[in-house]
């Protein structure tokens, strides 16, 4: 009993001492003034996120002026308009595409037909075309011109057009190296002039690629050569 009274007296004295010295009493956990704490059962089915867990969202917020506007149209590539003809007639490097790609041989002949030639080589070629193939289809006349040009570039014949035409025993209309002049006002001559210019500028193909020889259909020379084409009254070989 004496011990109990003594313990009570000591406790009272300690409390009085704390009150006199301004010291705070012992701390006790208290319920916060906010929302009541959720139980474990409540968290068990909850969707975990920064908001539900009370965590800070560490991702940078999207600035208001950069937010996606679903109403704004999406930029798309429009279908290109048709190219002008001047662009179609050029290759990717900017050079003009050969005229053969857009104009027919008949149209070219109409453009280049005339009674005069620009130089001696074109004159020799036009005369050969006239005497060898006047009245033939235009492709056949052009093929004759191409044979003469091919010969001049082959290394097997003379190196010039006039030299090829004047070469002995090659063209029957040539006499002693002389090439007779056609009637200057005739339609066939004007066509031959056009064919010669088209062939020299390589504006079209006749249809007998790399041919070096030809003969009339009625002839049978017995050549052991590669036949390339038969156009009009001529058969072409290389």
Protein backbone atom coordinates (compact mmCIF):
# COMPACT_ATOMS: atom_id res chain seq x y z
CA UNK A 1 0.00 0.00 0.00
CA UNK A 2 2.81 2.35 0.89
CA UNK A 3 4.48 1.55 -2.42
CA UNK A 4 1.30 2.32 -4.37
CA UNK A 5 0.87 5.68 -2.69
CA UNK A 6 4.49 6.45 -3.33
CA UNK A 7 4.19 5.62 -7.06
CA UNK A 8 1.09 7.77 -7.37
CA UNK A 9 2.86 10.65 -5.69
CA UNK A 10 5.83 10.37 -8.06
CA UNK A 11 3.55 10.34 -11.11
CA UNK A 12 1.69 13.44 -9.87
CA UNK A 13 4.96 15.22 -9.23
CA UNK A 14 6.21 14.41 -12.78
CA UNK A 15 3.06 15.73 -14.35
CA UNK A 16 3.25 18.90 -12.32
CA UNK A 17 6.88 19.37 -13.35
CA UNK A 18 6.02 19.01 -17.11
CA UNK A 19 3.19 21.55 -16.81
CA UNK A 20 5.42 24.01 -15.01
CA UNK A 21 8.22 23.71 -17.68
CA UNK A 22 5.89 24.21 -20.78
CA UNK A 23 6.72 20.82 -22.25
CA UNK A 24 4.21 19.09 -24.53
CA UNK A 25 2.59 15.96 -23.41
CA UNK A 26 2.95 12.61 -25.11
CA UNK A 27 1.85 12.40 -28.82
CA UNK A 28 -1.10 10.28 -30.00
CA UNK A 29 -2.00 9.36 -33.66
CA UNK A 30 -5.20 11.06 -34.71
CA UNK A 31 -7.46 10.67 -37.73
CA UNK A 32 -6.87 13.23 -40.48
CA UNK A 33 -9.47 15.81 -41.31
CA UNK A 34 -9.60 14.66 -44.99
CA UNK A 35 -11.32 11.71 -46.58
CA UNK A 36 -11.55 8.63 -44.45
CA UNK A 37 -8.82 6.11 -45.01
CA UNK A 38 -9.78 3.32 -47.38
CA UNK A 39 -9.51 -0.23 -46.24
CA UNK A 40 -7.36 -2.88 -47.92
CA UNK A 41 -10.51 -4.49 -49.30
CA UNK A 42 -11.46 -1.23 -50.98
CA UNK A 43 -8.01 -0.95 -52.65
CA UNK A 44 -8.02 -4.55 -53.78
CA UNK A 45 -10.32 -3.97 -56.79
CA UNK A 46 -9.35 -0.41 -57.49
CA UNK A 47 -7.57 0.68 -60.69
CA UNK A 48 -4.06 1.72 -59.75
CA UNK A 49 -2.99 5.11 -61.03
CA UNK A 50 -1.16 8.17 -59.83
CA UNK A 51 -4.46 9.75 -58.86
CA UNK A 52 -5.88 6.84 -56.94
CA UNK A 53 -2.59 6.17 -55.15
CA UNK A 54 -2.08 9.83 -54.27
CA UNK A 55 1.20 10.01 -56.26
CA UNK A 56 2.50 12.94 -58.23
CA UNK A 57 2.23 12.59 -62.04
CA UNK A 58 5.84 12.84 -63.14
CA UNK A 59 5.03 13.21 -66.88
CA UNK A 60 5.16 16.72 -68.26
CA UNK A 61 1.72 18.17 -68.80
CA UNK A 62 0.80 19.06 -72.40
CA UNK A 63 0.84 22.84 -72.81
CA UNK A 64 -2.56 24.25 -73.54
CA UNK A 65 -1.47 25.74 -76.87
CA UNK A 66 -0.08 22.38 -78.07
CA UNK A 67 -3.09 20.26 -77.20
CA UNK A 68 -4.47 18.16 -80.06
CA UNK A 69 -7.47 19.68 -81.74
CA UNK A 70 -9.60 16.97 -83.26
CA UNK A 71 -11.44 19.57 -85.32
CA UNK A 72 -8.40 20.74 -87.26
CA UNK A 73 -8.04 19.11 -90.70
CA UNK A 74 -5.17 16.73 -91.32
CA UNK A 75 -2.78 17.82 -94.07
CA UNK A 76 -2.76 15.38 -96.99
CA UNK A 77 -1.01 15.34 -100.39
CA UNK A 78 -3.27 16.50 -103.16
CA UNK A 79 -3.32 14.64 -106.46
CA UNK A 80 -0.90 16.36 -108.84
CA UNK A 81 -2.39 18.08 -111.83
CA UNK A 82 -1.52 16.92 -115.32
CA UNK A 83 2.01 17.86 -116.39
CA UNK A 84 2.38 20.29 -119.25
CA UNK A 85 3.55 18.83 -122.55
CA UNK A 86 6.87 20.65 -122.21
CA UNK A 87 7.59 18.67 -119.04
CA UNK A 88 6.50 15.38 -120.60
CA UNK A 89 8.87 15.94 -123.52
CA UNK A 90 11.91 16.07 -121.20
CA UNK A 91 13.92 13.32 -119.59
CA UNK A 92 14.84 13.34 -115.84
CA UNK A 93 18.12 15.14 -116.61
CA UNK A 94 16.27 18.05 -118.19
CA UNK A 95 17.23 17.28 -121.79
CA UNK A 96 14.66 17.22 -124.54
CA UNK A 97 13.37 13.79 -125.44
CA UNK A 98 14.09 12.89 -129.09
CA UNK A 99 11.30 14.03 -131.35
CA UNK A 100 10.71 10.44 -132.45
CA UNK A 101 8.79 9.85 -129.20
CA UNK A 102 6.03 12.33 -129.98
CA UNK A 103 5.83 12.71 -133.77
CA UNK A 104 5.18 10.20 -136.53
CA UNK A 105 7.50 9.73 -139.49
CA UNK A 106 4.88 11.21 -141.83
CA UNK A 107 4.65 14.33 -139.66
CA UNK A 108 8.41 14.68 -139.63
CA UNK A 109 8.58 14.35 -143.42
CA UNK A 110 5.97 17.07 -143.70
CA UNK A 111 8.11 19.32 -141.51
CA UNK A 112 11.43 18.69 -143.28
CA UNK A 113 10.35 18.35 -146.91
CA UNK A 114 12.10 20.81 -149.21
CA UNK A 115 14.04 21.26 -152.43
CA UNK A 116 17.43 22.14 -150.95
CA UNK A 117 19.87 20.40 -148.64
CA UNK A 118 22.07 21.95 -145.96
CA UNK A 119 25.43 20.40 -146.97
CA UNK A 120 27.16 18.01 -149.35
CA UNK A 121 26.70 14.95 -147.11
CA UNK A 122 22.95 15.50 -146.86
CA UNK A 123 22.80 16.09 -150.62
CA UNK A 124 24.53 12.76 -151.35
CA UNK A 125 22.21 10.95 -148.94
CA UNK A 126 19.06 12.55 -150.37
CA UNK A 127 20.08 11.66 -153.93
CA UNK A 128 20.73 8.04 -152.93
CA UNK A 129 17.34 7.85 -151.20
CA UNK A 130 15.65 9.28 -154.29
CA UNK A 131 17.26 6.94 -156.83
CA UNK A 132 17.11 3.81 -154.69
CA UNK A 133 13.70 4.12 -153.03
CA UNK A 134 11.48 6.85 -154.48
CA UNK A 135 7.86 5.80 -154.24
CA UNK A 136 8.61 3.30 -151.46
CA UNK A 137 6.95 3.51 -148.01
CA UNK A 138 8.51 6.20 -145.84
CA UNK A 139 9.91 3.57 -143.46
CA UNK A 140 11.57 1.85 -146.42
CA UNK A 141 13.13 5.10 -147.64
CA UNK A 142 14.40 5.84 -144.15
CA UNK A 143 15.87 2.35 -143.88
CA UNK A 144 17.83 2.92 -147.11
CA UNK A 145 19.21 6.15 -145.67
CA UNK A 146 20.13 4.36 -142.44
CA UNK A 147 22.02 1.64 -144.32
CA UNK A 148 24.22 4.31 -145.91
CA UNK A 149 24.82 6.04 -142.57
CA UNK A 150 25.52 2.68 -140.87
CA UNK A 151 28.11 1.89 -143.52
CA UNK A 152 29.88 5.20 -142.99
CA UNK A 153 30.17 4.42 -139.27
CA UNK A 154 31.04 0.72 -139.51
CA UNK A 155 34.70 0.93 -140.51
CA UNK A 156 34.07 -1.56 -143.32
CA UNK A 157 33.20 1.03 -145.96
CA UNK A 158 34.11 4.63 -146.69
CA UNK A 159 33.99 6.94 -143.68
CA UNK A 160 31.73 9.57 -145.27
CA UNK A 161 28.22 9.40 -146.68
CA UNK A 162 29.33 10.63 -150.11
CA UNK A 163 32.18 8.13 -150.06
CA UNK A 164 29.78 5.26 -149.30
CA UNK A 165 27.41 6.28 -152.11
CA UNK A 166 30.25 6.67 -154.65
CA UNK A 167 31.98 3.45 -153.70
CA UNK A 168 32.38 1.30 -156.86
CA UNK A 169 29.93 -1.53 -157.55
CA UNK A 170 27.59 -0.61 -154.70
CA UNK A 171 24.81 1.52 -156.24
CA UNK A 172 23.72 1.05 -159.83
CA UNK A 173 22.67 4.67 -160.34
CA UNK A 174 26.25 5.88 -159.79
CA UNK A 175 28.32 6.15 -162.99
CA UNK A 176 32.03 6.76 -162.63
CA UNK A 177 31.59 8.24 -159.19
CA UNK A 178 28.91 10.70 -160.40
CA UNK A 179 25.57 10.90 -158.57
CA UNK A 180 22.89 12.25 -160.95
CA UNK A 181 20.69 15.12 -159.75
CA UNK A 182 16.95 14.39 -159.35
CA UNK A 183 14.26 16.76 -160.68
CA UNK A 184 14.43 19.62 -158.11
CA UNK A 185 10.68 20.38 -158.07
CA UNK A 186 9.41 16.81 -157.81
CA UNK A 187 7.52 15.61 -154.77
CA UNK A 188 9.71 12.51 -154.50
CA UNK A 189 12.82 14.70 -154.27
CA UNK A 190 11.31 16.87 -151.54
CA UNK A 191 10.49 13.68 -149.62
CA UNK A 192 14.02 12.36 -150.13
CA UNK A 193 15.44 15.62 -148.72
CA UNK A 194 13.24 15.23 -145.66
CA UNK A 195 14.24 11.58 -145.18
CA UNK A 196 17.93 12.48 -145.43
CA UNK A 197 17.61 15.16 -142.74
CA UNK A 198 15.55 12.91 -140.45
CA UNK A 199 18.09 10.10 -140.80
CA UNK A 200 21.10 12.35 -140.13
CA UNK A 201 19.46 13.82 -137.02
CA UNK A 202 18.28 10.37 -135.89
CA UNK A 203 14.73 11.58 -135.38
CA UNK A 204 13.05 8.28 -136.24
CA UNK A 205 13.76 4.59 -136.89
CA UNK A 206 13.14 2.99 -140.25
CA UNK A 207 12.67 -0.56 -138.96
CA UNK A 208 15.88 -2.28 -140.11
CA UNK A 209 18.24 -1.83 -137.15
CA UNK A 210 21.99 -2.01 -137.88
CA UNK A 211 21.40 -3.10 -141.47
CA UNK A 212 24.37 -2.75 -143.84
CA UNK A 213 22.96 -4.30 -147.02
CA UNK A 214 19.70 -4.41 -148.97
CA UNK A 215 18.43 -5.60 -152.31
CA UNK A 216 15.20 -5.52 -154.28
CA UNK A 217 12.76 -8.37 -153.69
CA UNK A 218 13.10 -9.50 -157.28
CA UNK A 219 16.85 -10.06 -156.81
CA UNK A 220 18.33 -13.26 -155.40
CA UNK A 221 21.99 -12.59 -154.60
CA UNK A 222 22.41 -15.65 -152.38
CA UNK A 223 23.92 -13.69 -149.50
CA UNK A 224 24.74 -15.61 -146.32
CA UNK A 225 23.78 -12.70 -144.08
CA UNK A 226 21.36 -12.10 -141.23
CA UNK A 227 18.05 -10.88 -142.57
CA UNK A 228 16.78 -7.92 -140.59
CA UNK A 229 13.58 -6.76 -142.27
CA UNK A 230 11.55 -6.62 -145.46
CA UNK A 231 10.05 -3.17 -146.07
CA UNK A 232 8.32 -2.21 -149.29
CA UNK A 233 10.33 -3.46 -152.25
CA UNK A 234 13.56 -4.09 -150.30
CA UNK A 235 14.98 -6.76 -148.01
CA UNK A 236 17.56 -5.64 -145.46
CA UNK A 237 20.50 -7.57 -143.95
CA UNK A 238 23.43 -7.10 -141.59
